[in-house]
Amino acid sequence: MNNFEINCPQCGKKTIWNENPSRPFCSERCRMIDLGCWASEEYSVDGGRAPQAEQDS
């Protein structure tokens, strides 16, 4: 597989995909910034509405 460049999703800097242990990020720093955003709930995934529990009659 050839090395190809991607843009870091955190800072936008170009980085090489192959042999990059922090991919898709350019560095461990950008990777940790992204993780911190998830941990502090800056980022979230919409899971939709929870199913309603059935009522016993």
N, C-alpha and C. Protein backbone atom coordinates (compact mmCIF):
# COMPACT_ATOMS: atom_id res chain seq x y z
N MET A 1 0.85 -1.18 0.00
CA MET A 1 0.00 0.00 0.00
C MET A 1 0.89 1.24 0.00
N ASN A 2 0.59 2.17 -0.83
CA ASN A 2 1.36 3.40 -0.92
C ASN A 2 1.01 4.36 0.20
N ASN A 3 2.01 5.16 0.60
CA ASN A 3 1.71 6.23 1.55
C ASN A 3 0.86 7.27 0.85
N PHE A 4 -0.18 7.71 1.47
CA PHE A 4 -0.97 8.80 0.91
C PHE A 4 -1.27 9.80 2.00
N GLU A 5 -1.49 11.03 1.59
CA GLU A 5 -1.72 12.11 2.53
C GLU A 5 -3.20 12.29 2.80
N ILE A 6 -3.50 12.60 4.05
CA ILE A 6 -4.85 12.95 4.46
C ILE A 6 -4.75 14.23 5.28
N ASN A 7 -5.86 14.88 5.52
CA ASN A 7 -5.89 16.04 6.40
C ASN A 7 -6.30 15.58 7.79
N CYS A 8 -5.59 16.06 8.79
CA CYS A 8 -5.92 15.75 10.18
C CYS A 8 -7.31 16.29 10.48
N PRO A 9 -8.21 15.48 11.03
CA PRO A 9 -9.55 15.97 11.32
C PRO A 9 -9.60 17.02 12.44
N GLN A 10 -8.53 17.14 13.21
CA GLN A 10 -8.52 18.11 14.30
C GLN A 10 -7.97 19.47 13.86
N CYS A 11 -6.79 19.47 13.22
CA CYS A 11 -6.14 20.74 12.88
C CYS A 11 -6.08 21.03 11.39
N GLY A 12 -6.35 20.01 10.56
CA GLY A 12 -6.34 20.20 9.12
C GLY A 12 -4.98 20.04 8.46
N LYS A 13 -3.93 19.83 9.25
CA LYS A 13 -2.58 19.66 8.71
C LYS A 13 -2.51 18.36 7.89
N LYS A 14 -1.78 18.39 6.78
CA LYS A 14 -1.58 17.18 5.98
C LYS A 14 -0.69 16.21 6.75
N THR A 15 -1.05 14.93 6.70
CA THR A 15 -0.26 13.90 7.35
C THR A 15 -0.29 12.64 6.50
N ILE A 16 0.69 11.79 6.69
CA ILE A 16 0.77 10.53 5.94
C ILE A 16 0.00 9.46 6.70
N TRP A 17 -0.79 8.67 5.99
CA TRP A 17 -1.63 7.63 6.61
C TRP A 17 -0.79 6.46 7.12
N ASN A 18 0.01 5.85 6.24
CA ASN A 18 0.78 4.66 6.63
C ASN A 18 1.85 5.01 7.66
N GLU A 19 2.11 4.06 8.52
CA GLU A 19 3.14 4.19 9.56
C GLU A 19 2.93 5.40 10.47
N ASN A 20 1.70 5.84 10.60
CA ASN A 20 1.36 6.94 11.50
C ASN A 20 0.55 6.35 12.65
N PRO A 21 1.14 6.18 13.82
CA PRO A 21 0.41 5.55 14.93
C PRO A 21 -0.76 6.40 15.45
N SER A 22 -0.81 7.66 15.10
CA SER A 22 -1.89 8.54 15.56
C SER A 22 -3.00 8.71 14.53
N ARG A 23 -2.92 8.00 13.41
CA ARG A 23 -3.89 8.22 12.34
C ARG A 23 -5.30 8.02 12.82
N PRO A 24 -6.24 8.75 12.37
CA PRO A 24 -6.20 9.69 11.26
C PRO A 24 -5.68 11.07 11.65
N PHE A 25 -5.21 11.23 12.88
CA PHE A 25 -4.69 12.52 13.34
C PHE A 25 -3.22 12.65 12.97
N CYS A 26 -2.72 13.88 12.94
CA CYS A 26 -1.32 14.10 12.57
C CYS A 26 -0.38 13.82 13.72
N SER A 27 -0.89 13.87 14.95
CA SER A 27 -0.01 13.71 16.11
C SER A 27 -0.81 13.20 17.30
N GLU A 28 -0.07 12.77 18.31
CA GLU A 28 -0.70 12.34 19.56
C GLU A 28 -1.45 13.52 20.20
N ARG A 29 -0.92 14.73 20.05
CA ARG A 29 -1.56 15.92 20.60
C ARG A 29 -2.97 16.10 20.03
N CYS A 30 -3.09 16.05 18.69
CA CYS A 30 -4.41 16.21 18.07
C CYS A 30 -5.34 15.07 18.47
N ARG A 31 -4.77 13.88 18.59
CA ARG A 31 -5.57 12.73 19.01
C ARG A 31 -6.15 12.94 20.41
N MET A 32 -5.33 13.46 21.33
CA MET A 32 -5.78 13.69 22.70
C MET A 32 -6.76 14.85 22.79
N ILE A 33 -6.60 15.87 21.97
CA ILE A 33 -7.57 16.98 21.94
C ILE A 33 -8.93 16.43 21.54
N ASP A 34 -8.96 15.58 20.50
CA ASP A 34 -10.22 14.98 20.05
C ASP A 34 -10.84 14.11 21.15
N LEU A 35 -10.03 13.30 21.81
CA LEU A 35 -10.52 12.46 22.90
C LEU A 35 -11.11 13.32 24.02
N GLY A 36 -10.44 14.41 24.34
CA GLY A 36 -10.95 15.32 25.37
C GLY A 36 -12.30 15.92 25.00
N CYS A 37 -12.50 16.21 23.73
CA CYS A 37 -13.79 16.74 23.28
C CYS A 37 -14.90 15.72 23.48
N TRP A 38 -14.61 14.46 23.20
CA TRP A 38 -15.61 13.41 23.44
C TRP A 38 -15.87 13.26 24.94
N ALA A 39 -14.79 13.27 25.74
CA ALA A 39 -14.93 13.07 27.19
C ALA A 39 -15.70 14.20 27.85
N SER A 40 -15.55 15.42 27.34
CA SER A 40 -16.25 16.56 27.94
C SER A 40 -17.62 16.78 27.31
N GLU A 41 -18.03 15.86 26.44
CA GLU A 41 -19.33 15.88 25.77
C GLU A 41 -19.50 17.07 24.83
N GLU A 42 -18.37 17.63 24.33
CA GLU A 42 -18.47 18.63 23.25
C GLU A 42 -18.97 17.95 21.99
N TYR A 43 -18.57 16.71 21.79
CA TYR A 43 -19.02 15.90 20.67
C TYR A 43 -20.02 14.88 21.21
N SER A 44 -20.97 14.51 20.39
CA SER A 44 -21.90 13.44 20.77
C SER A 44 -22.47 12.84 19.50
N VAL A 45 -23.02 11.65 19.65
CA VAL A 45 -23.67 10.96 18.55
C VAL A 45 -25.14 10.86 18.90
N ASP A 46 -25.99 11.32 17.98
CA ASP A 46 -27.42 11.24 18.21
C ASP A 46 -27.85 9.79 18.11
N GLY A 47 -28.32 9.26 19.20
CA GLY A 47 -28.76 7.86 19.24
C GLY A 47 -30.23 7.71 18.97
N GLY A 48 -30.91 8.80 18.68
CA GLY A 48 -32.35 8.71 18.45
C GLY A 48 -33.09 8.61 19.78
N ARG A 49 -34.38 8.43 19.67
CA ARG A 49 -35.19 8.32 20.87
C ARG A 49 -35.14 6.91 21.42
N ALA A 50 -35.13 6.80 22.73
CA ALA A 50 -35.16 5.50 23.38
C ALA A 50 -36.54 4.90 23.23
N PRO A 51 -36.61 3.60 23.05
CA PRO A 51 -37.94 2.96 22.92
C PRO A 51 -38.73 3.12 24.22
N GLN A 52 -40.02 3.31 24.07
CA GLN A 52 -40.89 3.44 25.24
C GLN A 52 -41.10 2.08 25.89
N ALA A 53 -41.03 2.05 27.21
CA ALA A 53 -41.30 0.81 27.94
C ALA A 53 -42.78 0.50 27.88
N GLU A 54 -43.10 -0.78 27.73
CA GLU A 54 -44.51 -1.17 27.69
C GLU A 54 -45.10 -1.08 29.09
N GLN A 55 -46.31 -0.56 29.17
CA GLN A 55 -47.02 -0.43 30.43
C GLN A 55 -47.79 -1.72 30.73
N ASP A 56 -47.66 -2.25 31.94
CA ASP A 56 -48.46 -3.40 32.33
C ASP A 56 -49.86 -2.94 32.70
N SER A 57 -50.87 -3.62 32.18
CA SER A 57 -52.26 -3.22 32.48
C SER A 57 -52.85 -4.02 33.58
